[in-house]
């Protein structure tokens, strides 16, 4: 591709997606079903109009087994090494490409280097959650208990509660505080109570509401919400609105309003961080943890990932901040037989500085899922974003330099200052699945958008192999 085409493509991606230096810019609100994401738009810049090349009219599922010949290792090598000549990549670029069905390594370049992955870190954290004692198939309960005239709203890990009625067709907002209030109010009235003190309880998987390595700007610019086990879907990060100061209190306020609609006056008391006793009155339940985890990956939700990883660690007796949880994630991979050399997690989401994760490790765990050796993790991987369709890939692979990969790439994105990464699986035009992981680090000659464009081009070229 000519330099001019690459430049215009990169410019449009920058203007369309709002991508800059943080992975939070990859966030694209939506649910886990294959609903269409935000459509690519026509953009006019300095008198020139740029049209989207194309999206995809449907999101084809990747085959569960090979239905076409695997490309040769030589073909993969030629493709990747041609793409690696791009001057838009950083000085360090690590790549691994595997046969998805067998796990055979088809190509590696600096795959053992301890590179910085940004939000691709979430793939490792998701692996740990999938293999923890936190059941993937069960939902998270938000409960009310009563002791005297003190009503307690007990958090059970659901960060995507609806402020009113729940919607059973959704992941975010599946369980609703309005429904919980209706059941709770009925129980209170049976006991002759119409006025209560309302406490909240976040003793379950409690910890700091931010990671040590998170800069204040991450919160004030809305790149991430605060970590919580009791929060509203409306308070998720949207890359525009500053994070709410107290998501638990916001949830309590919403619950208070719902109780008032049903004739119960609730006056907020305090948040309790130790387990308390009381008679359970009512509960609502989220979608299964698997779907919550999938949503966190699809939208690259830092706070949700941190919360779910913290919950999984807590269930196994490990309590602490995001650094402690990051160490737990590493231990889970090691215990599963993964070579964790070069792996160091500063948090579970990849937003903090100091995380290193060789692409070899990501290739190893993804291959376990795609080859049929790890059914639990395969369920997680199946929920990754689809190129030119949804999640953080909704507006990628829609331009000239990468359109060949539209609909054929299911992957996790990652972006930070000096970091652009992508890892997942793809389908070639020959009908074979490949696992890949790409991380480029350093100063990008054409900025973060240029690096992202070059990474997409590299992966898109792999989809053209026969």
Protein backbone atom coordinates (compact mmCIF):
# COMPACT_ATOMS: atom_id res chain seq x y z
CA UNK A 1 0.00 0.00 0.00
CA UNK A 2 1.24 3.49 -0.82
CA UNK A 3 2.26 5.85 1.95
CA UNK A 4 -0.55 8.20 0.94
CA UNK A 5 -3.21 5.49 1.31
CA UNK A 6 -1.81 4.40 4.65
CA UNK A 7 -1.77 7.99 5.85
CA UNK A 8 -5.37 8.66 4.87
CA UNK A 9 -6.47 5.35 6.34
CA UNK A 10 -4.74 6.12 9.61
CA UNK A 11 -6.24 9.61 9.70
CA UNK A 12 -9.75 8.30 9.22
CA UNK A 13 -9.32 5.64 11.87
CA UNK A 14 -8.15 8.35 14.25
CA UNK A 15 -11.10 10.61 13.52
CA UNK A 16 -13.66 7.83 13.50
CA UNK A 17 -12.72 5.87 16.55
CA UNK A 18 -11.25 8.61 18.73
CA UNK A 19 -8.33 6.30 19.36
CA UNK A 20 -5.37 7.93 21.04
CA UNK A 21 -2.92 6.56 23.56
CA UNK A 22 -5.11 4.61 25.93
CA UNK A 23 -6.89 1.32 25.55
CA UNK A 24 -9.96 2.98 27.00
CA UNK A 25 -10.36 4.57 23.59
CA UNK A 26 -11.14 1.09 22.31
CA UNK A 27 -14.33 0.98 24.37
CA UNK A 28 -17.48 0.51 22.32
CA UNK A 29 -20.62 0.12 24.47
CA UNK A 30 -22.84 -2.77 23.49
CA UNK A 31 -24.06 -6.21 24.47
CA UNK A 32 -22.45 -9.53 23.80
CA UNK A 33 -24.86 -10.63 21.12
CA UNK A 34 -23.67 -10.01 17.56
CA UNK A 35 -25.52 -6.75 17.23
CA UNK A 36 -24.01 -4.31 14.83
CA UNK A 37 -21.63 -1.88 16.49
CA UNK A 38 -21.26 1.78 15.59
CA UNK A 39 -21.25 2.17 11.82
CA UNK A 40 -18.14 3.63 10.16
CA UNK A 41 -18.93 7.15 9.01
CA UNK A 42 -17.92 9.43 6.19
CA UNK A 43 -15.37 11.94 7.49
CA UNK A 44 -14.33 15.26 5.97
CA UNK A 45 -10.96 16.67 6.98
CA UNK A 46 -9.32 19.75 5.51
CA UNK A 47 -11.61 19.67 2.50
CA UNK A 48 -11.09 15.98 1.71
CA UNK A 49 -13.88 13.45 2.24
CA UNK A 50 -12.98 9.93 3.28
CA UNK A 51 -15.54 7.16 2.75
CA UNK A 52 -15.58 3.87 4.65
CA UNK A 53 -14.39 1.04 2.43
CA UNK A 54 -16.80 -1.52 3.83
CA UNK A 55 -17.97 -3.24 6.96
CA UNK A 56 -19.48 -6.69 7.12
CA UNK A 57 -23.16 -7.46 6.62
CA UNK A 58 -22.93 -10.37 9.02
CA UNK A 59 -20.43 -11.76 11.49
CA UNK A 60 -19.45 -15.24 10.35
CA UNK A 61 -18.62 -17.68 13.10
CA UNK A 62 -15.19 -19.22 12.97
CA UNK A 63 -15.32 -22.94 12.20
CA UNK A 64 -14.81 -25.22 15.19
CA UNK A 65 -12.54 -27.47 13.16
CA UNK A 66 -10.46 -27.06 10.06
CA UNK A 67 -12.53 -26.99 6.89
CA UNK A 68 -9.72 -25.87 4.64
CA UNK A 69 -6.00 -26.51 4.27
CA UNK A 70 -3.60 -24.90 6.72
CA UNK A 71 -1.24 -22.38 5.15
CA UNK A 72 2.37 -23.49 5.13
CA UNK A 73 4.87 -22.14 7.62
CA UNK A 74 6.77 -20.59 4.70
CA UNK A 75 3.66 -18.76 3.52
CA UNK A 76 3.00 -17.42 7.01
CA UNK A 77 6.64 -16.36 7.34
CA UNK A 78 6.59 -14.47 4.04
CA UNK A 79 3.34 -12.74 4.93
CA UNK A 80 4.38 -11.64 8.42
CA UNK A 81 7.91 -10.61 7.52
CA UNK A 82 6.64 -8.49 4.66
CA UNK A 83 4.28 -6.73 7.09
CA UNK A 84 7.06 -6.31 9.66
CA UNK A 85 8.93 -4.10 7.21
CA UNK A 86 6.39 -1.34 7.90
CA UNK A 87 8.04 1.74 9.36
CA UNK A 88 4.82 2.46 11.23
CA UNK A 89 5.56 -0.24 13.79
CA UNK A 90 7.65 0.39 16.89
CA UNK A 91 11.28 -0.67 17.29
CA UNK A 92 10.16 -3.84 19.10
CA UNK A 93 7.46 -5.99 17.52
CA UNK A 94 6.73 -9.49 18.75
CA UNK A 95 4.61 -11.98 16.82
CA UNK A 96 3.43 -15.54 17.19
CA UNK A 97 1.19 -17.41 14.73
CA UNK A 98 -0.16 -20.89 15.44
CA UNK A 99 -2.35 -23.47 13.73
CA UNK A 100 -5.53 -23.11 15.77
CA UNK A 101 -6.47 -26.77 15.49
CA UNK A 102 -3.15 -28.33 16.43
CA UNK A 103 -1.32 -25.54 18.28
CA UNK A 104 1.65 -25.96 15.95
CA UNK A 105 3.82 -22.85 15.82
CA UNK A 106 3.90 -21.58 12.25
CA UNK A 107 5.91 -18.42 12.88
CA UNK A 108 7.52 -16.56 15.77
CA UNK A 109 9.42 -13.32 16.04
CA UNK A 110 10.66 -12.12 19.44
CA UNK A 111 7.87 -14.19 21.00
CA UNK A 112 9.76 -14.63 24.27
CA UNK A 113 10.48 -10.93 24.75
CA UNK A 114 8.89 -9.38 27.82
CA UNK A 115 6.82 -6.85 25.88
CA UNK A 116 4.09 -4.56 27.21
CA UNK A 117 0.67 -5.82 26.06
CA UNK A 118 -1.80 -3.17 27.37
CA UNK A 119 -5.33 -4.63 27.45
CA UNK A 120 -4.35 -7.91 25.82
CA UNK A 121 -3.45 -8.64 29.45
CA UNK A 122 -7.17 -9.24 29.94
CA UNK A 123 -6.84 -12.52 28.02
CA UNK A 124 -4.52 -13.86 30.70
CA UNK A 125 -6.79 -12.62 33.49
CA UNK A 126 -9.79 -14.19 31.78
CA UNK A 127 -7.90 -17.50 31.61
CA UNK A 128 -7.32 -17.33 35.36
CA UNK A 129 -10.97 -16.51 36.07
CA UNK A 130 -12.12 -19.35 33.82
CA UNK A 131 -10.00 -21.80 35.82
CA UNK A 132 -10.85 -20.47 39.25
CA UNK A 133 -13.42 -21.62 41.79
CA UNK A 134 -15.76 -18.81 40.70
CA UNK A 135 -18.37 -20.75 38.68
CA UNK A 136 -18.62 -19.46 35.12
CA UNK A 137 -22.14 -20.84 34.72
CA UNK A 138 -23.63 -19.04 37.73
CA UNK A 139 -24.76 -15.45 38.09
CA UNK A 140 -23.81 -12.96 40.80
CA UNK A 141 -26.47 -12.16 43.39
CA UNK A 142 -27.29 -8.73 44.79
CA UNK A 143 -29.31 -9.16 48.01
CA UNK A 144 -31.14 -7.29 50.72
CA UNK A 145 -31.03 -8.29 54.37
CA UNK A 146 -32.84 -6.87 57.38
CA UNK A 147 -31.65 -6.48 60.96
CA UNK A 148 -34.08 -4.52 63.12
CA UNK A 149 -34.90 -1.44 61.07
CA UNK A 150 -31.63 -1.49 59.14
CA UNK A 151 -31.96 -2.70 55.59
CA UNK A 152 -28.70 -3.67 53.88
CA UNK A 153 -28.07 -3.75 50.14
CA UNK A 154 -25.44 -6.46 49.83
CA UNK A 155 -23.13 -6.41 46.81
CA UNK A 156 -22.35 -9.75 45.23
CA UNK A 157 -20.09 -8.67 42.40
CA UNK A 158 -22.58 -7.34 39.83
CA UNK A 159 -21.20 -4.10 38.35
CA UNK A 160 -23.88 -3.79 35.68
CA UNK A 161 -27.13 -3.49 37.62
CA UNK A 162 -30.06 -1.69 36.01
CA UNK A 163 -31.16 1.29 38.14
CA UNK A 164 -34.78 0.29 37.54
CA UNK A 165 -36.31 -2.86 36.11
CA UNK A 166 -33.96 -5.51 34.81
CA UNK A 167 -33.96 -6.62 31.18
CA UNK A 168 -33.60 -10.36 30.73
CA UNK A 169 -32.42 -9.93 27.13
CA UNK A 170 -29.36 -7.93 28.14
CA UNK A 171 -26.08 -8.57 29.90
CA UNK A 172 -25.56 -5.06 31.26
CA UNK A 173 -28.78 -4.33 33.13
CA UNK A 174 -29.96 -7.95 33.31
CA UNK A 175 -30.62 -7.68 37.05
CA UNK A 176 -32.52 -4.59 38.16
CA UNK A 177 -32.65 -2.66 41.41
CA UNK A 178 -36.29 -1.86 40.64
CA UNK A 179 -37.13 -5.54 40.76
CA UNK A 180 -35.12 -5.97 43.95
CA UNK A 181 -36.91 -2.99 45.48
CA UNK A 182 -40.33 -4.40 44.61
CA UNK A 183 -39.63 -7.73 46.31
CA UNK A 184 -37.92 -6.04 49.25
CA UNK A 185 -40.73 -3.53 49.79
CA UNK A 186 -43.29 -6.34 49.87
CA UNK A 187 -41.30 -8.13 52.57
CA UNK A 188 -40.86 -4.93 54.61
CA UNK A 189 -44.57 -4.18 54.52
CA UNK A 190 -45.34 -7.71 55.70
CA UNK A 191 -43.28 -6.80 58.76
CA UNK A 192 -45.06 -3.49 59.21
CA UNK A 193 -42.07 -1.41 58.13
CA UNK A 194 -42.32 1.61 55.83
CA UNK A 195 -39.22 3.50 57.02
CA UNK A 196 -35.71 2.04 57.26
CA UNK A 197 -32.05 2.94 57.40
CA UNK A 198 -30.28 1.69 54.29
CA UNK A 199 -26.70 0.47 54.53
CA UNK A 200 -24.63 -1.06 51.78
CA UNK A 201 -22.25 -3.97 52.25
CA UNK A 202 -19.24 -4.57 49.99
CA UNK A 203 -17.40 -7.10 52.13
CA UNK A 204 -17.44 -9.60 49.27
CA UNK A 205 -14.09 -9.39 47.41
CA UNK A 206 -13.39 -5.99 48.92
CA UNK A 207 -10.34 -3.96 47.91
CA UNK A 208 -9.19 -0.55 46.66
CA UNK A 209 -11.43 1.05 44.03
CA UNK A 210 -8.46 1.77 41.76
CA UNK A 211 -5.20 0.04 40.90
CA UNK A 212 -1.96 1.56 42.18
CA UNK A 213 -0.75 2.24 38.67
CA UNK A 214 -3.87 4.07 37.48
CA UNK A 215 -3.33 7.74 36.86
CA UNK A 216 -6.02 10.17 38.03
CA UNK A 217 -6.64 11.14 34.41
CA UNK A 218 -7.81 7.61 33.66
CA UNK A 219 -10.78 8.31 35.94
CA UNK A 220 -11.36 11.99 35.27
CA UNK A 221 -11.47 11.46 31.51
CA UNK A 222 -13.71 8.42 31.79
CA UNK A 223 -11.20 5.87 30.54
CA UNK A 224 -12.17 3.56 33.39
CA UNK A 225 -14.73 3.32 36.16
CA UNK A 226 -13.82 2.55 39.74
CA UNK A 227 -13.54 -1.09 40.79
CA UNK A 228 -16.61 -2.24 42.68
CA UNK A 229 -18.75 -5.25 43.53
CA UNK A 230 -21.96 -3.20 43.58
CA UNK A 231 -22.48 -0.73 40.74
CA UNK A 232 -24.85 0.43 38.02
CA UNK A 233 -24.56 -0.37 34.33
CA UNK A 234 -25.05 3.35 33.73
CA UNK A 235 -21.79 4.06 35.57
CA UNK A 236 -19.55 2.01 33.27
CA UNK A 237 -16.70 3.87 31.56
CA UNK A 238 -17.73 5.56 28.31
CA UNK A 239 -14.53 7.45 27.42
CA UNK A 240 -16.35 10.74 27.90
CA UNK A 241 -17.83 11.02 31.37
CA UNK A 242 -15.63 11.23 34.48
CA UNK A 243 -15.88 8.12 36.65
CA UNK A 244 -18.37 8.48 39.48
CA UNK A 245 -16.71 9.05 42.83
CA UNK A 246 -18.67 6.35 44.66
CA UNK A 247 -20.39 3.74 42.45
CA UNK A 248 -21.72 1.86 45.50
CA UNK A 249 -23.44 5.00 46.85
CA UNK A 250 -24.85 5.67 43.39
CA UNK A 251 -26.38 2.20 43.38
CA UNK A 252 -27.78 2.80 46.87
CA UNK A 253 -29.33 6.10 45.74
CA UNK A 254 -30.99 4.36 42.80
CA UNK A 255 -32.31 1.65 45.12
CA UNK A 256 -33.63 4.30 47.52
CA UNK A 257 -35.60 5.92 44.71
CA UNK A 258 -37.07 2.57 43.69
CA UNK A 259 -38.09 1.84 47.28
CA UNK A 260 -39.77 5.27 47.52
CA UNK A 261 -41.90 4.42 44.48
CA UNK A 262 -43.21 1.48 46.50
CA UNK A 263 -43.96 3.36 49.70
CA UNK A 264 -40.75 2.70 51.59
CA UNK A 265 -38.69 5.60 52.93
CA UNK A 266 -35.01 4.67 53.12
CA UNK A 267 -32.38 6.93 54.66
CA UNK A 268 -28.82 6.08 53.71
CA UNK A 269 -26.55 5.09 56.58
CA UNK A 270 -23.09 3.77 55.70
CA UNK A 271 -21.14 1.25 53.65
CA UNK A 272 -20.01 -1.76 55.65
CA UNK A 273 -16.93 -3.69 54.54
CA UNK A 274 -17.20 -6.60 56.94
CA UNK A 275 -19.68 -9.47 56.76
CA UNK A 276 -22.87 -8.83 58.70
CA UNK A 277 -25.80 -11.02 59.62
CA UNK A 278 -29.45 -10.38 58.92
CA UNK A 279 -32.54 -11.98 57.49
CA UNK A 280 -32.42 -12.16 53.72
CA UNK A 281 -35.46 -10.52 52.14
CA UNK A 282 -34.87 -10.68 48.40
CA UNK A 283 -32.27 -11.03 45.65
CA UNK A 284 -31.68 -10.52 41.96
CA UNK A 285 -29.11 -12.34 39.87
CA UNK A 286 -26.89 -11.30 36.97
CA UNK A 287 -26.25 -13.29 33.84
CA UNK A 288 -23.63 -16.04 34.28
CA UNK A 289 -20.09 -14.93 35.07
CA UNK A 290 -19.06 -16.23 31.65
CA UNK A 291 -21.20 -13.59 29.96
CA UNK A 292 -20.00 -10.83 32.27
CA UNK A 293 -16.42 -11.82 31.51
CA UNK A 294 -17.20 -11.84 27.81
CA UNK A 295 -18.67 -8.36 28.04
CA UNK A 296 -15.58 -7.08 29.87
CA UNK A 297 -13.37 -8.48 27.10
CA UNK A 298 -15.56 -7.28 24.28
CA UNK A 299 -15.71 -3.72 25.58
CA UNK A 300 -12.22 -3.76 27.12
CA UNK A 301 -13.75 -2.76 30.45
CA UNK A 302 -10.90 -2.26 32.89
CA UNK A 303 -12.95 -2.00 36.08
CA UNK A 304 -15.11 -5.04 35.25
CA UNK A 305 -12.03 -7.13 34.50
CA UNK A 306 -10.36 -6.05 37.73
CA UNK A 307 -13.52 -6.78 39.72
CA UNK A 308 -14.11 -10.23 38.22
CA UNK A 309 -10.46 -11.21 38.68
CA UNK A 310 -10.55 -9.93 42.26
CA UNK A 311 -13.71 -11.95 42.94
CA UNK A 312 -12.18 -15.10 41.48
CA UNK A 313 -9.05 -14.63 43.58
CA UNK A 314 -11.09 -13.95 46.71
CA UNK A 315 -13.10 -17.14 46.25
CA UNK A 316 -9.76 -18.97 46.35
CA UNK A 317 -8.68 -17.12 49.49
CA UNK A 318 -6.48 -14.46 47.87
CA UNK A 319 -7.41 -10.94 48.93
CA UNK A 320 -5.76 -7.64 48.12
CA UNK A 321 -5.24 -4.93 45.57
CA UNK A 322 -4.80 -5.25 41.82
CA UNK A 323 -1.11 -6.06 42.15
CA UNK A 324 -1.92 -9.01 44.41
CA UNK A 325 -4.58 -10.13 41.96
CA UNK A 326 -2.10 -9.81 39.09
CA UNK A 327 0.26 -12.14 40.93
CA UNK A 328 -2.64 -14.55 41.45
CA UNK A 329 -3.33 -14.52 37.70
CA UNK A 330 0.29 -15.40 36.98
CA UNK A 331 0.16 -18.21 39.52
CA UNK A 332 -3.02 -19.61 37.93
CA UNK A 333 -1.33 -19.78 34.54
CA UNK A 334 1.78 -21.38 36.03
CA UNK A 335 -0.33 -23.94 37.89
CA UNK A 336 -2.05 -24.78 34.59
CA UNK A 337 1.33 -25.68 33.08
CA UNK A 338 1.93 -22.46 31.17
CA UNK A 339 5.53 -21.23 30.98
CA UNK A 340 5.20 -17.78 32.58
CA UNK A 341 8.79 -16.65 31.98
CA UNK A 342 8.77 -12.92 31.31
CA UNK A 343 5.25 -12.43 32.71
CA UNK A 344 4.76 -9.69 35.29
CA UNK A 345 1.33 -8.17 35.91
CA UNK A 346 0.93 -4.81 37.63
CA UNK A 347 -2.84 -5.30 37.55
CA UNK A 348 -5.41 -7.57 35.92
CA UNK A 349 -6.54 -5.20 33.17
CA UNK A 350 -3.28 -4.04 31.61
CA UNK A 351 -3.89 -0.36 32.32
CA UNK A 352 -1.07 0.07 34.84
CA UNK A 353 2.54 0.60 33.87
CA UNK A 354 4.99 -2.20 34.57
CA UNK A 355 3.14 -5.14 33.03
CA UNK A 356 5.06 -7.43 30.69
CA UNK A 357 3.63 -10.43 28.87
CA UNK A 358 5.43 -12.26 26.05
CA UNK A 359 3.21 -13.03 23.05
CA UNK A 360 4.27 -16.65 23.42
CA UNK A 361 2.15 -16.91 26.56
CA UNK A 362 -0.91 -15.47 24.86
CA UNK A 363 -0.38 -17.84 21.94
CA UNK A 364 -0.09 -20.76 24.35
CA UNK A 365 -3.37 -20.12 26.18
CA UNK A 366 -5.32 -19.22 23.04
CA UNK A 367 -4.14 -22.41 21.33
CA UNK A 368 -5.42 -24.45 24.24
CA UNK A 369 -8.86 -23.00 23.64
CA UNK A 370 -8.94 -23.34 19.87
CA UNK A 371 -7.47 -26.85 19.76
CA UNK A 372 -10.15 -28.30 22.00
CA UNK A 373 -7.83 -28.86 24.96
CA UNK A 374 -9.50 -26.23 27.14
CA UNK A 375 -13.29 -26.12 26.85
CA UNK A 376 -13.73 -23.53 29.61
CA UNK A 377 -11.41 -21.01 28.05
CA UNK A 378 -12.81 -21.75 24.59
CA UNK A 379 -16.16 -20.43 25.81
CA UNK A 380 -14.45 -17.19 26.85
CA UNK A 381 -12.51 -16.82 23.60
CA UNK A 382 -15.72 -17.31 21.59
CA UNK A 383 -16.94 -14.00 23.02
CA UNK A 384 -14.09 -11.85 21.67
CA UNK A 385 -14.93 -8.88 19.42
CA UNK A 386 -15.40 -9.45 15.70
CA UNK A 387 -13.57 -7.26 13.18
CA UNK A 388 -15.71 -4.57 11.52
CA UNK A 389 -18.65 -5.74 13.56
CA UNK A 390 -18.75 -5.20 17.32
CA UNK A 391 -16.92 -4.43 20.55
CA UNK A 392 -13.53 -2.77 20.34
CA UNK A 393 -13.13 -4.01 16.75
CA UNK A 394 -16.38 -2.49 15.54
CA UNK A 395 -14.69 0.19 13.44
CA UNK A 396 -11.47 -1.62 12.56
CA UNK A 397 -10.86 -3.63 9.39
CA UNK A 398 -13.13 -1.29 7.45
CA UNK A 399 -10.35 0.51 5.54
CA UNK A 400 -8.23 -0.26 2.51
CA UNK A 401 -5.19 -1.45 4.41
CA UNK A 402 -7.11 -4.07 6.39
CA UNK A 403 -10.51 -4.66 4.77
CA UNK A 404 -9.53 -8.23 3.82
CA UNK A 405 -9.90 -9.14 7.49
CA UNK A 406 -13.43 -7.75 7.96
CA UNK A 407 -15.51 -10.34 9.79
CA UNK A 408 -12.66 -12.86 9.87
CA UNK A 409 -10.77 -11.69 12.98
CA UNK A 410 -11.95 -12.39 16.54
CA UNK A 411 -9.51 -10.67 18.87
CA UNK A 412 -8.68 -8.62 21.95
CA UNK A 413 -7.28 -5.16 21.40
CA UNK A 414 -4.66 -3.30 23.41
CA UNK A 415 -3.41 0.30 23.31
CA UNK A 416 -1.33 2.47 25.60
CA UNK A 417 1.31 5.10 25.05
CA UNK A 418 3.97 3.25 23.05
CA UNK A 419 1.88 0.06 22.87
CA UNK A 420 -0.36 -1.44 20.21
CA UNK A 421 -1.38 -5.07 20.46
CA UNK A 422 -3.90 -7.54 19.10
CA UNK A 423 -4.41 -11.22 19.87
CA UNK A 424 -7.02 -13.81 19.02
CA UNK A 425 -7.94 -16.09 16.15
CA UNK A 426 -8.70 -15.56 12.49
CA UNK A 427 -10.05 -17.49 9.53
CA UNK A 428 -8.11 -17.53 6.29
CA UNK A 429 -9.84 -17.30 2.90
CA UNK A 430 -8.80 -20.93 2.55
CA UNK A 431 -11.07 -21.76 5.48
CA UNK A 432 -8.47 -22.54 8.14
CA UNK A 433 -8.18 -21.01 11.60
CA UNK A 434 -5.00 -19.42 12.92
CA UNK A 435 -4.15 -18.15 16.39
CA UNK A 436 -2.07 -14.99 16.52
CA UNK A 437 -0.68 -12.47 18.97
CA UNK A 438 1.07 -9.24 17.94
CA UNK A 439 2.56 -6.58 20.21
CA UNK A 440 4.52 -3.56 19.06
CA UNK A 441 6.27 -1.28 21.58
CA UNK A 442 8.25 1.94 21.47
CA UNK A 443 8.05 5.27 19.69
CA UNK A 444 5.72 5.02 16.70
CA UNK A 445 6.86 7.14 13.73
CA UNK A 446 3.24 7.69 12.67
CA UNK A 447 1.81 7.78 16.17
CA UNK A 448 -0.51 5.30 17.88
CA UNK A 449 -2.97 5.28 14.98
CA UNK A 450 -0.22 4.40 12.55
CA UNK A 451 0.91 1.51 14.74
CA UNK A 452 -2.64 0.23 15.08
CA UNK A 453 -3.06 0.46 11.30
CA UNK A 454 0.13 -1.54 10.72
CA UNK A 455 -0.91 -4.23 13.18
CA UNK A 456 -4.31 -4.56 11.52
CA UNK A 457 -2.64 -4.80 8.13
CA UNK A 458 -0.35 -7.59 9.35
CA UNK A 459 -3.29 -9.63 10.65
CA UNK A 460 -5.46 -8.89 7.62
CA UNK A 461 -2.74 -10.22 5.34
CA UNK A 462 -2.81 -13.51 7.24
CA UNK A 463 -6.51 -13.88 6.40
CA UNK A 464 -5.63 -13.84 2.68
CA UNK A 465 -3.52 -17.00 2.91
CA UNK A 466 -4.76 -20.17 1.24
